[in-house]
Amino acid sequence: MATLNRFPHLNTRPIAPHSIPTPAVAGHHFGKVKRPLGDPVSAPKPNPRYIPPPMTNLTYLHLPLDVILPHEASKVESSKIMVFHAVGDSGGIHGDEVERAIADAMNQQVVQPENGKQGASFYYILGDCVYFNGESQFYNAQFYEPYQSYHAAIFAVAGNHDGDTHVRAGDPPDSESSLFGFMRTFCDSSSHHDSPYRATMTQPYVYWVLDTPVATIIGLYSNVDGTLDARGTSEQQQWLQEQFANAPVDKALLIALHHPPYSLDTVHGGYPDIEVALDRVIANTGRIPTMVLSGHVHSYQRFDRNIGETNVPYIVAGAGGYANRPKAMHKIETKTNGKRLPDNFQTTHRDLTLAKYNDEEPGFLRITVDGKKKTLTAEYFLVPFDGVPPKVPFDTVTSKW
């Protein structure tokens, strides 16, 4: 087992208590505590809201690609190249025009890939598939219908809106338990048709592993407030450590979840419980992920993090359709003089830079895993609110394992 000394950054960068300003009224303060400029992690929540996911009888939460997509798995096995799409926060409660535009742009890369490119084998949603509380009655309008033109399989991890059961003032009580719609759509015991457009998926659980010939993709459930487990428990944390320890070293290792460990947006920020959970398994196993994918923040951000001698991209891609107009995008913080942050901006974490970001247009990721070259490339394509999506990616990063 590795110790913290193997990763010096873990000794020098604990989650520090955030200062709380003097309250305006005794016993109270107003508004969220503002983070210092460049701090990519929000203050820890003393009592994060946690809703237990449904029980599972399964102990081996793996889905081999060749079981669900034998033709695609055979193609990947032969070429040693796998291509897939990823983006989060796609649920179109305010209309599905943006979601449909993204689906159409992604589908072009499935059925008519550029010369020399392999078509995408599937799409992986990074949470918040359906707003606001993930009710099954909204899946037709927010999932099945917008993706009717996407001719590939769709996997997913759940987001806070997929699992929430919060009742807002004036709303009728939820008629379904947490994650009911998500489990019915993505974790069905046997595939069936709730819609004429596609069958339900048979993922083993709300957190799970997709085993492919060239990559291991670990999907996590970060619950409602961005934590893997309830306070005082560690079930998913222990499971995650087992997956890190046992993941094949000759394959890329990707982490997919909803809440980002790092973000410089002005609404959410990064989630300290997620940062700590990932760093803990890195320290305990000595295994470093090839890339970390998340959503939740309705923009695009790519952080480059140096873990020892390894550069790991931490990517936030949450502009998948819910943000259906420019003002709905989550804006990245600006300098005190109002100027935008430059590319390769040094955050308050000395091992972490904000390499590239876009908080003005929706978009999606195309991920290419090359098993021969041992490289993983992420390309982010914009789908403008107005105009034709460009063929050239807005951002590209390649990581080796």
Protein backbone atom coordinates (compact mmCIF):
# COMPACT_ATOMS: atom_id res chain seq x y z
CA MET A 1 0.00 0.00 0.00
CA ALA A 2 1.28 3.44 -0.86
CA THR A 3 1.70 6.05 1.82
CA LEU A 4 1.08 9.77 1.66
CA ASN A 5 4.83 10.26 1.27
CA ARG A 6 4.55 8.72 -2.20
CA PHE A 7 2.37 11.70 -3.12
CA PRO A 8 3.90 14.76 -1.43
CA HIS A 9 1.07 17.02 -2.63
CA LEU A 10 -1.32 15.16 -0.33
CA ASN A 11 0.75 16.22 2.67
CA THR A 12 0.95 19.85 1.63
CA ARG A 13 -2.61 20.37 0.44
CA PRO A 14 -5.16 19.20 2.99
CA ILE A 15 -8.63 20.66 2.90
CA ALA A 16 -8.21 23.67 5.14
CA PRO A 17 -11.10 25.13 7.11
CA HIS A 18 -12.51 28.11 5.24
CA SER A 19 -12.77 31.31 7.18
CA ILE A 20 -16.25 32.44 8.11
CA PRO A 21 -16.83 36.21 8.15
CA THR A 22 -18.10 37.95 11.24
CA PRO A 23 -21.88 37.58 11.10
CA ALA A 24 -23.97 40.66 10.51
CA VAL A 25 -26.43 39.40 13.10
CA ALA A 26 -25.36 37.34 16.09
CA GLY A 27 -25.54 33.65 15.19
CA HIS A 28 -26.14 34.27 11.49
CA HIS A 29 -24.33 35.12 8.28
CA PHE A 30 -25.85 35.87 4.92
CA GLY A 31 -25.00 34.20 1.63
CA LYS A 32 -22.37 31.66 0.68
CA VAL A 33 -18.81 32.24 1.91
CA LYS A 34 -16.87 33.70 -1.03
CA ARG A 35 -13.80 31.71 -2.05
CA PRO A 36 -10.47 33.47 -2.59
CA LEU A 37 -9.66 34.21 -6.23
CA GLY A 38 -8.40 31.05 -7.89
CA ASP A 39 -9.55 28.63 -5.18
CA PRO A 40 -11.12 25.67 -7.06
CA VAL A 41 -12.72 24.00 -4.02
CA SER A 42 -15.71 25.25 -2.04
CA ALA A 43 -16.01 25.20 1.73
CA PRO A 44 -16.95 21.77 3.12
CA LYS A 45 -20.57 21.31 4.08
CA PRO A 46 -20.81 20.27 7.75
CA ASN A 47 -23.88 18.11 7.07
CA PRO A 48 -24.19 17.36 3.36
CA ARG A 49 -27.59 16.08 2.29
CA TYR A 50 -27.37 12.37 1.52
CA ILE A 51 -30.14 10.09 0.25
CA PRO A 52 -29.21 6.37 0.39
CA PRO A 53 -29.33 4.78 -3.08
CA PRO A 54 -31.44 1.65 -3.62
CA MET A 55 -30.07 -1.57 -2.19
CA THR A 56 -28.31 -4.00 -4.52
CA ASN A 57 -27.77 -7.73 -4.22
CA LEU A 58 -24.84 -7.60 -6.63
CA THR A 59 -21.28 -7.63 -5.38
CA TYR A 60 -19.46 -7.55 -8.73
CA LEU A 61 -20.62 -4.25 -10.23
CA HIS A 62 -18.90 -4.64 -13.60
CA LEU A 63 -20.39 -4.57 -17.10
CA PRO A 64 -18.12 -5.90 -19.88
CA LEU A 65 -18.53 -3.98 -23.12
CA ASP A 66 -18.75 -7.21 -25.12
CA VAL A 67 -21.81 -8.29 -23.14
CA ILE A 68 -23.87 -5.21 -24.01
CA LEU A 69 -22.22 -4.16 -27.31
CA PRO A 70 -20.51 -7.23 -28.82
CA HIS A 71 -20.00 -5.66 -32.27
CA GLU A 72 -18.45 -2.49 -30.86
CA ALA A 73 -16.28 -4.48 -28.45
CA SER A 74 -15.01 -6.61 -31.33
CA LYS A 75 -14.18 -3.48 -33.32
CA VAL A 76 -12.27 -2.03 -30.36
CA GLU A 77 -10.48 -5.31 -29.73
CA SER A 78 -9.34 -5.41 -33.34
CA SER A 79 -8.26 -1.77 -33.74
CA LYS A 80 -7.23 -1.15 -30.11
CA ILE A 81 -9.02 2.20 -30.44
CA MET A 82 -12.20 3.17 -28.64
CA VAL A 83 -14.13 6.40 -29.19
CA PHE A 84 -17.04 7.62 -27.09
CA HIS A 85 -18.89 10.81 -26.20
CA ALA A 86 -19.40 12.36 -22.76
CA VAL A 87 -21.17 15.38 -21.33
CA GLY A 88 -23.41 16.06 -18.35
CA ASP A 89 -26.46 18.11 -17.37
CA SER A 90 -28.42 17.26 -20.46
CA GLY A 91 -31.98 17.18 -19.12
CA GLY A 92 -34.05 19.68 -21.07
CA ILE A 93 -36.70 20.82 -18.61
CA HIS A 94 -36.71 24.26 -20.27
CA GLY A 95 -36.97 22.86 -23.81
CA ASP A 96 -34.84 20.39 -25.70
CA GLU A 97 -33.50 22.49 -28.59
CA VAL A 98 -29.93 22.60 -27.26
CA GLU A 99 -30.01 18.96 -26.19
CA ARG A 100 -31.19 17.94 -29.66
CA ALA A 101 -28.51 20.06 -31.34
CA ILE A 102 -25.83 18.36 -29.26
CA ALA A 103 -27.30 14.93 -30.00
CA ASP A 104 -27.26 15.70 -33.73
CA ALA A 105 -23.66 16.92 -33.62
CA MET A 106 -22.57 13.83 -31.70
CA ASN A 107 -24.48 11.54 -34.05
CA GLN A 108 -22.53 12.93 -37.01
CA GLN A 109 -19.43 11.55 -35.31
CA VAL A 110 -21.14 8.18 -34.97
CA VAL A 111 -22.42 7.68 -38.51
CA GLN A 112 -20.11 9.96 -40.52
CA PRO A 113 -16.80 10.36 -38.68
CA GLU A 114 -14.09 12.48 -40.25
CA ASN A 115 -11.56 10.81 -42.52
CA GLY A 116 -9.25 8.64 -40.50
CA LYS A 117 -11.43 8.82 -37.39
CA GLN A 118 -13.29 5.90 -35.86
CA GLY A 119 -16.98 6.41 -35.12
CA ALA A 120 -18.06 6.77 -31.50
CA SER A 121 -19.24 3.52 -29.89
CA PHE A 122 -21.39 5.03 -27.14
CA TYR A 123 -22.29 8.11 -25.13
CA TYR A 124 -21.68 8.45 -21.39
CA ILE A 125 -23.88 10.99 -19.57
CA LEU A 126 -22.13 12.64 -16.60
CA GLY A 127 -25.27 13.01 -14.50
CA ASP A 128 -28.45 15.11 -14.35
CA CYS A 129 -30.17 13.21 -17.14
CA VAL A 130 -33.62 14.45 -16.06
CA TYR A 131 -34.65 17.54 -14.10
CA PHE A 132 -35.66 18.33 -11.48
CA ASN A 133 -36.05 15.21 -9.35
CA GLY A 134 -35.47 12.51 -11.92
CA GLU A 135 -39.09 11.40 -12.15
CA SER A 136 -39.68 8.64 -14.69
CA GLN A 137 -42.60 10.57 -16.25
CA PHE A 138 -40.11 13.12 -17.64
CA TYR A 139 -37.78 10.65 -19.36
CA ASN A 140 -39.66 10.68 -22.67
CA ALA A 141 -39.43 14.48 -23.05
CA GLN A 142 -35.95 14.95 -21.59
CA PHE A 143 -34.13 11.78 -22.62
CA TYR A 144 -35.74 9.44 -25.14
CA GLU A 145 -37.10 12.04 -27.55
CA PRO A 146 -34.05 14.37 -27.66
CA TYR A 147 -31.74 11.40 -28.30
CA GLN A 148 -33.89 9.66 -30.90
CA SER A 149 -31.38 10.72 -33.56
CA TYR A 150 -28.35 9.39 -31.66
CA HIS A 151 -27.52 5.99 -33.13
CA ALA A 152 -25.34 4.51 -30.41
CA ALA A 153 -25.75 3.14 -26.89
CA ILE A 154 -26.04 5.48 -23.92
CA PHE A 155 -24.60 4.83 -20.45
CA ALA A 156 -24.77 7.19 -17.47
CA VAL A 157 -23.93 8.05 -13.92
CA ALA A 158 -26.55 9.78 -11.80
CA GLY A 159 -26.44 13.41 -10.76
CA ASN A 160 -28.01 15.29 -7.89
CA HIS A 161 -31.20 15.99 -9.85
CA ASP A 162 -31.51 12.33 -10.81
CA GLY A 163 -31.48 11.30 -7.16
CA ASP A 164 -33.10 14.23 -5.39
CA THR A 165 -36.50 14.01 -3.74
CA HIS A 166 -36.56 17.57 -2.48
CA VAL A 167 -40.00 19.14 -2.40
CA ARG A 168 -40.01 22.86 -3.16
CA ALA A 169 -42.66 25.11 -1.66
CA GLY A 170 -45.91 24.62 -3.52
CA ASP A 171 -44.78 21.45 -5.33
CA PRO A 172 -46.76 18.21 -4.94
CA PRO A 173 -44.88 15.48 -3.06
CA ASP A 174 -42.64 13.21 -5.14
CA SER A 175 -44.48 10.02 -6.03
CA GLU A 176 -41.28 8.02 -6.57
CA SER A 177 -38.32 7.08 -4.42
CA SER A 178 -34.84 8.46 -5.05
CA LEU A 179 -33.28 7.31 -8.36
CA PHE A 180 -36.40 5.39 -9.42
CA GLY A 181 -36.43 6.82 -12.94
CA PHE A 182 -32.65 6.50 -13.34
CA MET A 183 -32.60 2.88 -12.17
CA ARG A 184 -35.53 1.99 -14.44
CA THR A 185 -33.82 3.56 -17.47
CA PHE A 186 -30.16 2.70 -16.95
CA CYS A 187 -30.01 -0.14 -14.39
CA ASP A 188 -32.84 -2.38 -15.49
CA SER A 189 -32.42 -6.10 -14.78
CA SER A 190 -33.57 -6.91 -18.31
CA SER A 191 -33.72 -4.52 -21.23
CA HIS A 192 -37.17 -3.39 -22.36
CA HIS A 193 -38.72 -0.51 -24.31
CA ASP A 194 -40.21 2.42 -22.43
CA SER A 195 -39.87 4.31 -25.69
CA PRO A 196 -39.86 3.38 -29.38
CA TYR A 197 -36.48 5.06 -29.78
CA ARG A 198 -34.21 2.93 -27.61
CA ALA A 199 -34.25 0.13 -25.07
CA THR A 200 -33.39 0.58 -21.41
CA MET A 201 -29.80 -0.04 -20.34
CA THR A 202 -28.65 -2.84 -18.01
CA GLN A 203 -25.91 -1.23 -15.94
CA PRO A 204 -25.39 -3.20 -12.73
CA TYR A 205 -25.92 -0.35 -10.27
CA VAL A 206 -25.86 3.39 -9.68
CA TYR A 207 -22.06 3.17 -9.23
CA TRP A 208 -20.40 0.67 -11.50
CA VAL A 209 -17.51 -0.23 -13.84
CA LEU A 210 -17.56 -0.45 -17.62
CA ASP A 211 -14.86 -2.93 -18.69
CA THR A 212 -13.58 -2.42 -22.24
CA PRO A 213 -10.62 -3.85 -24.18
CA VAL A 214 -8.60 -0.62 -23.78
CA ALA A 215 -10.03 1.21 -20.76
CA THR A 216 -11.61 0.75 -17.36
CA ILE A 217 -14.30 3.38 -16.69
CA ILE A 218 -15.32 3.71 -13.05
CA GLY A 219 -18.65 5.48 -12.63
CA LEU A 220 -19.38 6.98 -9.20
CA TYR A 221 -22.55 8.30 -7.60
CA SER A 222 -21.84 11.59 -5.81
CA ASN A 223 -25.37 11.78 -4.40
CA VAL A 224 -27.22 15.07 -3.81
CA ASP A 225 -24.56 17.24 -2.17
CA GLY A 226 -21.34 15.84 -3.67
CA THR A 227 -20.28 13.03 -1.37
CA LEU A 228 -19.79 9.30 -1.97
CA ASP A 229 -21.07 8.14 1.40
CA ALA A 230 -23.06 9.37 4.37
CA ARG A 231 -21.04 10.76 7.26
CA GLY A 232 -19.57 7.92 9.31
CA THR A 233 -19.84 5.34 6.50
CA SER A 234 -17.47 4.34 3.67
CA GLU A 235 -19.18 1.74 1.49
CA GLN A 236 -18.63 3.40 -1.89
CA GLN A 237 -15.20 4.69 -0.82
CA GLN A 238 -14.05 1.16 -0.03
CA TRP A 239 -15.53 -0.14 -3.27
CA LEU A 240 -13.70 2.61 -5.20
CA GLN A 241 -10.39 1.67 -3.60
CA GLU A 242 -10.91 -1.97 -4.63
CA GLN A 243 -11.53 -0.88 -8.22
CA PHE A 244 -8.35 1.24 -8.28
CA ALA A 245 -6.30 -1.59 -6.83
CA ASN A 246 -7.64 -4.20 -9.25
CA ALA A 247 -7.91 -2.17 -12.47
CA PRO A 248 -5.62 -3.59 -15.21
CA VAL A 249 -2.46 -1.50 -15.50
CA ASP A 250 -2.28 -2.01 -19.27
CA LYS A 251 -5.54 -0.10 -19.78
CA ALA A 252 -6.51 3.54 -19.34
CA LEU A 253 -8.29 4.29 -16.05
CA LEU A 254 -11.10 6.86 -16.29
CA ILE A 255 -13.23 8.21 -13.47
CA ALA A 256 -16.72 9.52 -14.31
CA LEU A 257 -18.98 11.26 -11.81
CA HIS A 258 -21.31 14.21 -11.54
CA HIS A 259 -19.89 16.62 -8.95
CA PRO A 260 -16.44 17.98 -9.91
CA PRO A 261 -13.55 17.97 -7.45
CA TYR A 262 -12.40 21.29 -8.96
CA SER A 263 -14.26 24.21 -10.50
CA LEU A 264 -13.69 27.96 -10.74
CA ASP A 265 -17.29 28.84 -11.53
CA THR A 266 -19.08 31.44 -9.43
CA VAL A 267 -22.05 29.21 -8.48
CA HIS A 268 -20.77 25.86 -7.22
CA GLY A 269 -17.00 25.50 -7.03
CA GLY A 270 -15.33 22.13 -6.54
CA TYR A 271 -16.51 19.57 -4.01
CA PRO A 272 -14.03 18.82 -1.19
CA ASP A 273 -15.47 15.40 -0.37
CA ILE A 274 -14.84 14.29 -3.96
CA GLU A 275 -11.30 15.69 -3.99
CA VAL A 276 -10.48 13.88 -0.75
CA ALA A 277 -12.12 10.62 -1.87
CA LEU A 278 -10.07 10.46 -5.07
CA ASP A 279 -6.83 11.52 -3.40
CA ARG A 280 -7.31 8.91 -0.70
CA VAL A 281 -7.52 6.02 -3.16
CA ILE A 282 -4.59 7.38 -5.16
CA ALA A 283 -2.49 7.48 -2.00
CA ASN A 284 -3.63 4.08 -0.74
CA THR A 285 -3.22 2.18 -4.02
CA GLY A 286 -0.46 4.06 -5.83
CA ARG A 287 -2.68 4.07 -8.94
CA ILE A 288 -3.20 7.38 -10.73
CA PRO A 289 -6.25 7.84 -12.98
CA THR A 290 -5.64 8.71 -16.61
CA MET A 291 -8.46 11.26 -16.62
CA VAL A 292 -11.33 12.46 -14.41
CA LEU A 293 -14.64 13.48 -16.07
CA SER A 294 -17.44 15.36 -14.29
CA GLY A 295 -20.42 17.63 -14.93
CA HIS A 296 -22.73 19.62 -12.60
CA VAL A 297 -21.25 23.00 -13.57
CA HIS A 298 -22.90 24.23 -16.77
CA SER A 299 -19.71 25.15 -18.62
CA TYR A 300 -16.47 23.57 -19.82
CA GLN A 301 -13.29 23.60 -17.75
CA ARG A 302 -10.11 21.60 -18.15
CA PHE A 303 -7.74 21.51 -15.21
CA ASP A 304 -4.27 20.03 -15.53
CA ARG A 305 -3.03 18.49 -12.31
CA ASN A 306 0.49 17.23 -11.66
CA ILE A 307 0.51 14.18 -9.41
CA GLY A 308 4.16 13.40 -8.95
CA GLU A 309 5.50 13.22 -12.51
CA THR A 310 2.10 12.46 -14.03
CA ASN A 311 -0.21 15.06 -15.57
CA VAL A 312 -3.89 14.22 -15.06
CA PRO A 313 -6.65 16.18 -16.85
CA TYR A 314 -9.64 16.89 -14.61
CA ILE A 315 -12.41 17.91 -16.99
CA VAL A 316 -15.75 19.55 -16.19
CA ALA A 317 -18.26 19.16 -19.05
CA GLY A 318 -21.72 20.14 -17.86
CA ALA A 319 -23.08 22.20 -20.75
CA GLY A 320 -25.07 19.34 -22.23
CA GLY A 321 -28.39 21.07 -22.80
CA TYR A 322 -30.01 22.14 -19.54
CA ALA A 323 -28.37 25.56 -19.96
CA ASN A 324 -30.46 26.55 -22.96
CA ARG A 325 -29.39 30.20 -23.25
CA PRO A 326 -26.19 32.17 -22.59
CA LYS A 327 -27.38 33.55 -19.26
CA ALA A 328 -28.01 30.01 -17.99
CA MET A 329 -24.34 29.06 -18.40
CA HIS A 330 -22.30 28.97 -15.21
CA LYS A 331 -19.72 31.72 -15.51
CA ILE A 332 -16.10 31.35 -14.52
CA GLU A 333 -14.85 33.83 -11.94
CA THR A 334 -13.03 36.93 -13.15
CA LYS A 335 -10.13 38.88 -11.75
CA THR A 336 -10.80 41.75 -9.35
CA ASN A 337 -10.54 44.18 -12.27
CA GLY A 338 -13.24 42.26 -14.13
CA LYS A 339 -10.90 40.70 -16.70
CA ARG A 340 -11.35 37.05 -17.65
CA LEU A 341 -8.90 34.46 -16.41
CA PRO A 342 -6.21 33.57 -18.95
CA ASP A 343 -5.56 30.05 -20.19
CA ASN A 344 -3.18 28.07 -17.98
CA PHE A 345 -4.26 30.10 -14.96
CA GLN A 346 -2.50 29.03 -11.76
CA THR A 347 -5.05 28.16 -9.08
CA THR A 348 -4.42 28.40 -5.35
CA HIS A 349 -3.47 24.72 -5.50
CA ARG A 350 0.13 24.74 -6.65
CA ASP A 351 -0.24 21.48 -8.60
CA LEU A 352 -3.37 22.60 -10.46
CA THR A 353 -3.87 24.99 -13.39
CA LEU A 354 -7.03 25.93 -15.28
CA ALA A 355 -5.73 25.12 -18.74
CA LYS A 356 -8.78 26.04 -20.85
CA TYR A 357 -12.44 26.93 -20.37
CA ASN A 358 -15.60 28.03 -22.15
CA ASP A 359 -18.60 29.47 -20.31
CA GLU A 360 -20.43 30.90 -23.32
CA GLU A 361 -21.57 27.98 -25.50
CA PRO A 362 -22.79 24.38 -24.97
CA GLY A 363 -20.66 21.46 -26.11
CA PHE A 364 -19.61 17.84 -25.68
CA LEU A 365 -16.53 15.66 -25.34
CA ARG A 366 -15.20 13.08 -27.75
CA ILE A 367 -12.84 10.69 -25.95
CA THR A 368 -10.40 8.53 -27.92
CA VAL A 369 -8.49 5.74 -26.20
CA ASP A 370 -5.58 4.31 -28.20
CA GLY A 371 -4.45 1.01 -26.73
CA LYS A 372 -1.43 0.75 -29.02
CA LYS A 373 0.01 4.17 -28.23
CA LYS A 374 -1.25 4.09 -24.62
CA THR A 375 -2.83 7.51 -25.05
CA LEU A 376 -6.18 9.00 -24.12
CA THR A 377 -7.30 12.11 -26.00
CA ALA A 378 -10.22 14.34 -25.02
CA GLU A 379 -11.61 16.80 -27.57
CA TYR A 380 -14.27 19.35 -26.66
CA PHE A 381 -16.60 20.46 -29.46
CA LEU A 382 -18.78 23.55 -29.19
CA VAL A 383 -22.42 23.54 -30.30
CA PRO A 384 -23.21 27.28 -30.46
CA PHE A 385 -26.61 28.63 -29.44
CA ASP A 386 -26.68 30.27 -32.86
CA GLY A 387 -24.83 29.00 -35.89
CA VAL A 388 -23.32 25.77 -37.18
CA PRO A 389 -21.15 23.66 -34.85
CA PRO A 390 -17.50 23.94 -35.90
CA LYS A 391 -15.72 20.80 -37.06
CA VAL A 392 -12.52 21.72 -35.22
CA PRO A 393 -12.49 21.06 -31.47
CA PHE A 394 -12.36 24.01 -29.10
CA ASP A 395 -9.87 22.19 -26.85
CA THR A 396 -7.78 19.01 -27.06
CA VAL A 397 -5.67 17.27 -24.46
CA THR A 398 -3.80 13.94 -24.60
CA SER A 399 -2.80 11.95 -21.56
CA LYS A 400 -0.62 8.83 -21.37
CA TRP A 401 -0.83 5.92 -19.01
